[in-house]
């Protein structure tokens, strides 16, 4: 039974170690403890603070892997921008219908 308890303690230590979360890419991973974004990260955001400014990212010295990730991000950001525009357009249409009384009680 003592040997069994020893295994439980070792397993618990391993589980605690596995539960430590790191964010990032491989060797570049960093721990986050609820800390605020650094000024460097804030400088990379777009003016609206929603996305990342691709031109600013391209001006940085990035690894090949990071460059590939930036290239993959471009179509995704474009898709999000298109979805935001469509959402605004639909909200405008619904707002106009609301004002005219055609869509009462829908929201």
N, C-alpha and C. Protein backbone atom coordinates (compact mmCIF):
# COMPACT_ATOMS: atom_id res chain seq x y z
N UNK A 1 0.83 -1.19 0.00
CA UNK A 1 0.00 0.00 0.00
C UNK A 1 0.88 1.26 0.00
N UNK A 2 1.99 1.24 0.69
CA UNK A 2 2.90 2.39 0.72
C UNK A 2 3.45 2.65 -0.67
N UNK A 3 3.76 1.58 -1.40
CA UNK A 3 4.26 1.73 -2.77
C UNK A 3 3.18 2.36 -3.66
N UNK A 4 1.92 1.99 -3.44
CA UNK A 4 0.81 2.54 -4.20
C UNK A 4 0.69 4.05 -3.95
N UNK A 5 0.81 4.48 -2.69
CA UNK A 5 0.74 5.90 -2.35
C UNK A 5 1.90 6.66 -2.98
N UNK A 6 3.04 6.03 -3.07
CA UNK A 6 4.21 6.66 -3.70
C UNK A 6 3.95 6.92 -5.18
N UNK A 7 3.31 5.97 -5.84
CA UNK A 7 2.96 6.14 -7.25
C UNK A 7 1.93 7.26 -7.43
N UNK A 8 0.97 7.34 -6.50
CA UNK A 8 -0.04 8.40 -6.58
C UNK A 8 0.61 9.78 -6.46
N UNK A 9 1.57 9.91 -5.55
CA UNK A 9 2.25 11.19 -5.37
C UNK A 9 3.04 11.55 -6.62
N UNK A 10 3.71 10.55 -7.21
CA UNK A 10 4.48 10.79 -8.43
C UNK A 10 3.56 11.16 -9.58
N UNK A 11 2.43 10.46 -9.69
CA UNK A 11 1.47 10.77 -10.74
C UNK A 11 0.90 12.17 -10.57
N UNK A 12 0.64 12.55 -9.33
CA UNK A 12 0.09 13.88 -9.06
C UNK A 12 1.12 14.95 -9.45
N UNK A 13 2.39 14.72 -9.17
CA UNK A 13 3.43 15.67 -9.53
C UNK A 13 3.53 15.80 -11.05
N UNK A 14 3.42 14.67 -11.76
CA UNK A 14 3.46 14.70 -13.22
C UNK A 14 2.26 15.44 -13.78
N UNK A 15 1.08 15.23 -13.22
CA UNK A 15 -0.13 15.91 -13.69
C UNK A 15 -0.02 17.41 -13.48
N UNK A 16 0.53 17.80 -12.32
CA UNK A 16 0.71 19.24 -12.04
C UNK A 16 1.63 19.85 -13.08
N UNK A 17 2.70 19.13 -13.41
CA UNK A 17 3.65 19.62 -14.41
C UNK A 17 2.99 19.72 -15.78
N UNK A 18 2.16 18.76 -16.14
CA UNK A 18 1.48 18.77 -17.43
C UNK A 18 0.45 19.88 -17.53
N UNK A 19 -0.12 20.29 -16.40
CA UNK A 19 -1.16 21.29 -16.40
C UNK A 19 -0.62 22.71 -16.57
N UNK A 20 0.69 22.90 -16.42
CA UNK A 20 1.26 24.22 -16.62
C UNK A 20 1.16 24.56 -18.11
N UNK A 21 0.49 25.65 -18.40
CA UNK A 21 0.21 26.02 -19.79
C UNK A 21 1.19 27.07 -20.26
N UNK A 22 1.72 26.87 -21.45
CA UNK A 22 2.55 27.89 -22.07
C UNK A 22 1.94 28.21 -23.42
N UNK A 23 2.14 29.44 -23.85
CA UNK A 23 1.59 29.91 -25.11
C UNK A 23 2.74 30.31 -26.01
N UNK A 24 2.58 30.12 -27.30
CA UNK A 24 3.60 30.51 -28.23
C UNK A 24 3.92 29.38 -29.17
N UNK A 25 5.10 29.48 -29.75
CA UNK A 25 5.51 28.49 -30.73
C UNK A 25 6.84 27.88 -30.29
N UNK A 26 6.79 26.67 -29.84
CA UNK A 26 8.00 25.93 -29.52
C UNK A 26 8.93 26.67 -28.58
N UNK A 27 10.15 26.92 -29.04
CA UNK A 27 11.17 27.55 -28.21
C UNK A 27 10.81 28.98 -27.85
N UNK A 28 9.87 29.58 -28.59
CA UNK A 28 9.49 30.96 -28.34
C UNK A 28 8.35 31.06 -27.32
N UNK A 29 7.89 29.93 -26.78
CA UNK A 29 6.75 29.92 -25.88
C UNK A 29 7.04 30.70 -24.61
N UNK A 30 6.03 31.36 -24.11
CA UNK A 30 6.16 32.11 -22.87
C UNK A 30 4.95 31.82 -22.00
N UNK A 31 5.13 31.91 -20.70
CA UNK A 31 4.02 31.71 -19.78
C UNK A 31 3.25 33.01 -19.66
N UNK A 32 1.96 32.89 -19.51
CA UNK A 32 1.14 34.07 -19.29
C UNK A 32 0.47 33.93 -17.94
N UNK A 33 0.62 34.91 -17.11
CA UNK A 33 0.01 34.91 -15.78
C UNK A 33 -0.97 36.06 -15.68
N UNK A 34 -1.78 36.26 -16.72
CA UNK A 34 -2.75 37.34 -16.70
C UNK A 34 -2.11 38.70 -16.87
N UNK A 35 -0.88 38.73 -17.34
CA UNK A 35 -0.20 40.01 -17.50
C UNK A 35 -0.77 40.77 -18.69
N UNK A 36 -0.65 42.07 -18.63
CA UNK A 36 -1.15 42.91 -19.71
C UNK A 36 -0.25 42.76 -20.94
N UNK A 37 -0.76 43.19 -22.08
CA UNK A 37 0.04 43.13 -23.30
C UNK A 37 1.17 44.14 -23.22
N UNK A 38 2.30 43.78 -23.78
CA UNK A 38 3.44 44.70 -23.81
C UNK A 38 3.18 45.80 -24.83
N UNK A 39 3.94 46.86 -24.75
CA UNK A 39 3.79 47.97 -25.68
C UNK A 39 4.09 47.51 -27.11
N UNK A 40 5.03 46.57 -27.25
CA UNK A 40 5.37 46.04 -28.57
C UNK A 40 4.15 45.37 -29.22
N UNK A 41 3.40 44.62 -28.43
CA UNK A 41 2.22 43.94 -28.95
C UNK A 41 1.14 44.97 -29.27
N UNK A 42 0.95 45.94 -28.40
CA UNK A 42 -0.06 46.97 -28.63
C UNK A 42 0.23 47.77 -29.89
N UNK A 43 1.50 47.97 -30.21
CA UNK A 43 1.88 48.70 -31.42
C UNK A 43 1.52 47.93 -32.69
N UNK A 44 1.38 46.61 -32.60
CA UNK A 44 1.07 45.80 -33.77
C UNK A 44 -0.43 45.74 -34.08
N UNK A 45 -1.26 46.21 -33.14
CA UNK A 45 -2.71 46.16 -33.37
C UNK A 45 -3.13 47.22 -34.38
N UNK A 46 -4.24 46.94 -35.04
CA UNK A 46 -4.80 47.92 -35.97
C UNK A 46 -5.39 49.07 -35.18
N UNK A 47 -5.77 50.13 -35.89
CA UNK A 47 -6.31 51.31 -35.22
C UNK A 47 -7.56 51.01 -34.40
N UNK A 48 -8.38 50.07 -34.89
CA UNK A 48 -9.59 49.74 -34.14
C UNK A 48 -9.32 48.77 -32.98
N UNK A 49 -8.09 48.25 -32.89
CA UNK A 49 -7.71 47.36 -31.80
C UNK A 49 -8.24 45.95 -31.93
N UNK A 50 -8.83 45.63 -33.07
CA UNK A 50 -9.42 44.30 -33.24
C UNK A 50 -8.44 43.33 -33.89
N UNK A 51 -7.72 43.77 -34.89
CA UNK A 51 -6.83 42.87 -35.61
C UNK A 51 -5.37 43.28 -35.49
N UNK A 52 -4.55 42.61 -36.25
CA UNK A 52 -3.12 42.86 -36.27
C UNK A 52 -2.77 43.58 -37.56
N UNK A 53 -1.94 44.60 -37.47
CA UNK A 53 -1.51 45.34 -38.64
C UNK A 53 -0.43 44.53 -39.36
N UNK A 54 -0.79 43.97 -40.50
CA UNK A 54 0.11 43.09 -41.25
C UNK A 54 1.36 43.84 -41.71
N UNK A 55 1.21 45.09 -42.15
CA UNK A 55 2.36 45.85 -42.62
C UNK A 55 3.39 46.04 -41.52
N UNK A 56 2.93 46.30 -40.31
CA UNK A 56 3.85 46.45 -39.18
C UNK A 56 4.55 45.13 -38.88
N UNK A 57 3.81 44.04 -39.00
CA UNK A 57 4.42 42.74 -38.73
C UNK A 57 5.48 42.41 -39.78
N UNK A 58 5.19 42.74 -41.03
CA UNK A 58 6.15 42.46 -42.10
C UNK A 58 7.43 43.27 -41.95
N UNK A 59 7.32 44.45 -41.33
CA UNK A 59 8.50 45.29 -41.16
C UNK A 59 9.43 44.76 -40.07
N UNK A 60 8.94 43.82 -39.26
CA UNK A 60 9.77 43.23 -38.20
C UNK A 60 10.62 42.10 -38.78
N UNK A 61 11.67 41.77 -38.06
CA UNK A 61 12.48 40.62 -38.46
C UNK A 61 11.81 39.37 -37.91
N UNK A 62 11.26 38.57 -38.80
CA UNK A 62 10.54 37.36 -38.41
C UNK A 62 11.26 36.13 -38.93
N UNK A 63 11.05 35.03 -38.23
CA UNK A 63 11.60 33.77 -38.72
C UNK A 63 10.77 33.31 -39.91
N UNK A 64 11.27 32.31 -40.62
CA UNK A 64 10.53 31.78 -41.78
C UNK A 64 9.17 31.24 -41.35
N UNK A 65 9.15 30.57 -40.21
CA UNK A 65 7.90 30.01 -39.70
C UNK A 65 6.91 31.13 -39.37
N UNK A 66 7.41 32.21 -38.74
CA UNK A 66 6.54 33.33 -38.41
C UNK A 66 6.01 34.01 -39.67
N UNK A 67 6.86 34.13 -40.70
CA UNK A 67 6.42 34.72 -41.97
C UNK A 67 5.30 33.89 -42.60
N UNK A 68 5.43 32.58 -42.53
CA UNK A 68 4.39 31.70 -43.07
C UNK A 68 3.09 31.88 -42.31
N UNK A 69 3.19 32.05 -41.00
CA UNK A 69 1.99 32.25 -40.19
C UNK A 69 1.32 33.59 -40.52
N UNK A 70 2.12 34.60 -40.77
CA UNK A 70 1.57 35.91 -41.15
C UNK A 70 0.84 35.79 -42.48
N UNK A 71 1.44 35.07 -43.42
CA UNK A 71 0.80 34.88 -44.73
C UNK A 71 -0.52 34.13 -44.61
N UNK A 72 -0.59 33.16 -43.69
CA UNK A 72 -1.83 32.43 -43.47
C UNK A 72 -2.88 33.32 -42.80
N UNK A 73 -2.41 34.30 -42.04
CA UNK A 73 -3.33 35.17 -41.31
C UNK A 73 -4.02 36.18 -42.23
N UNK A 74 -3.40 36.55 -43.33
CA UNK A 74 -3.95 37.59 -44.21
C UNK A 74 -5.34 37.24 -44.73
N UNK A 75 -5.55 36.06 -45.34
CA UNK A 75 -6.90 35.75 -45.80
C UNK A 75 -7.92 35.67 -44.67
N UNK A 76 -7.48 35.23 -43.51
CA UNK A 76 -8.39 35.14 -42.37
C UNK A 76 -8.81 36.53 -41.91
N UNK A 77 -7.88 37.47 -41.89
CA UNK A 77 -8.23 38.83 -41.51
C UNK A 77 -9.16 39.46 -42.55
N UNK A 78 -8.90 39.17 -43.82
CA UNK A 78 -9.78 39.69 -44.87
C UNK A 78 -11.19 39.14 -44.71
N UNK A 79 -11.30 37.87 -44.40
CA UNK A 79 -12.60 37.25 -44.20
C UNK A 79 -13.33 37.89 -43.02
N UNK A 80 -12.61 38.13 -41.93
CA UNK A 80 -13.22 38.78 -40.78
C UNK A 80 -13.69 40.19 -41.11
N UNK A 81 -12.89 40.93 -41.87
CA UNK A 81 -13.27 42.29 -42.28
C UNK A 81 -14.54 42.25 -43.12
N UNK A 82 -14.61 41.29 -44.05
CA UNK A 82 -15.81 41.15 -44.88
C UNK A 82 -17.04 40.79 -44.05
N UNK A 83 -16.85 39.92 -43.06
CA UNK A 83 -17.97 39.55 -42.19
C UNK A 83 -18.44 40.74 -41.35
N UNK A 84 -17.49 41.55 -40.88
CA UNK A 84 -17.88 42.74 -40.11
C UNK A 84 -18.68 43.71 -40.98
N UNK A 85 -18.23 43.92 -42.22
CA UNK A 85 -18.95 44.81 -43.13
C UNK A 85 -20.36 44.28 -43.41
N UNK A 86 -20.47 42.99 -43.63
CA UNK A 86 -21.77 42.39 -43.89
C UNK A 86 -22.69 42.51 -42.67
N UNK A 87 -22.12 42.31 -41.50
CA UNK A 87 -22.90 42.45 -40.27
C UNK A 87 -23.43 43.88 -40.13
N UNK A 88 -22.55 44.86 -40.36
CA UNK A 88 -22.98 46.26 -40.28
C UNK A 88 -24.07 46.56 -41.31
N UNK A 89 -23.91 46.02 -42.51
CA UNK A 89 -24.91 46.23 -43.56
C UNK A 89 -26.26 45.66 -43.15
N UNK A 90 -26.24 44.43 -42.62
CA UNK A 90 -27.49 43.79 -42.20
C UNK A 90 -28.12 44.50 -41.00
N UNK A 91 -27.28 44.97 -40.07
CA UNK A 91 -27.81 45.71 -38.93
C UNK A 91 -28.47 47.01 -39.39
N UNK A 92 -27.89 47.64 -40.40
CA UNK A 92 -28.47 48.86 -40.95
C UNK A 92 -29.83 48.57 -41.57
N UNK A 93 -29.91 47.48 -42.33
CA UNK A 93 -31.18 47.09 -42.96
C UNK A 93 -32.23 46.80 -41.90
N UNK A 94 -31.86 46.04 -40.88
CA UNK A 94 -32.80 45.69 -39.81
C UNK A 94 -33.22 46.96 -39.07
N UNK A 95 -32.27 47.87 -38.84
CA UNK A 95 -32.60 49.13 -38.18
C UNK A 95 -33.58 49.95 -38.98
N UNK A 96 -33.41 49.97 -40.29
CA UNK A 96 -34.32 50.72 -41.15
C UNK A 96 -35.70 50.07 -41.12
N UNK A 97 -35.77 48.78 -41.15
CA UNK A 97 -37.06 48.08 -41.09
C UNK A 97 -37.73 48.31 -39.75
N UNK A 98 -36.93 48.31 -38.67
CA UNK A 98 -37.47 48.58 -37.34
C UNK A 98 -38.13 49.95 -37.30
N UNK A 99 -37.44 50.93 -37.86
CA UNK A 99 -37.96 52.30 -37.85
C UNK A 99 -39.23 52.43 -38.68
N UNK A 100 -39.36 51.63 -39.70
CA UNK A 100 -40.55 51.70 -40.54
C UNK A 100 -41.69 50.83 -40.02
N UNK A 101 -41.40 50.05 -38.95
CA UNK A 101 -42.46 49.23 -38.35
C UNK A 101 -42.63 47.88 -39.02
N UNK A 102 -41.77 47.51 -39.95
CA UNK A 102 -41.93 46.25 -40.65
C UNK A 102 -41.47 45.06 -39.80
N UNK A 103 -40.49 45.27 -38.93
CA UNK A 103 -39.94 44.17 -38.14
C UNK A 103 -40.09 44.53 -36.67
N UNK A 104 -41.28 44.54 -36.18
CA UNK A 104 -41.53 44.90 -34.79
C UNK A 104 -41.20 43.73 -33.87
N UNK A 105 -40.47 44.00 -32.82
CA UNK A 105 -40.17 42.99 -31.81
C UNK A 105 -39.10 41.99 -32.17
N UNK A 106 -38.42 42.15 -33.29
CA UNK A 106 -37.35 41.21 -33.66
C UNK A 106 -36.01 41.85 -33.38
N UNK A 107 -35.20 41.23 -32.56
CA UNK A 107 -33.83 41.65 -32.22
C UNK A 107 -33.21 40.66 -31.33
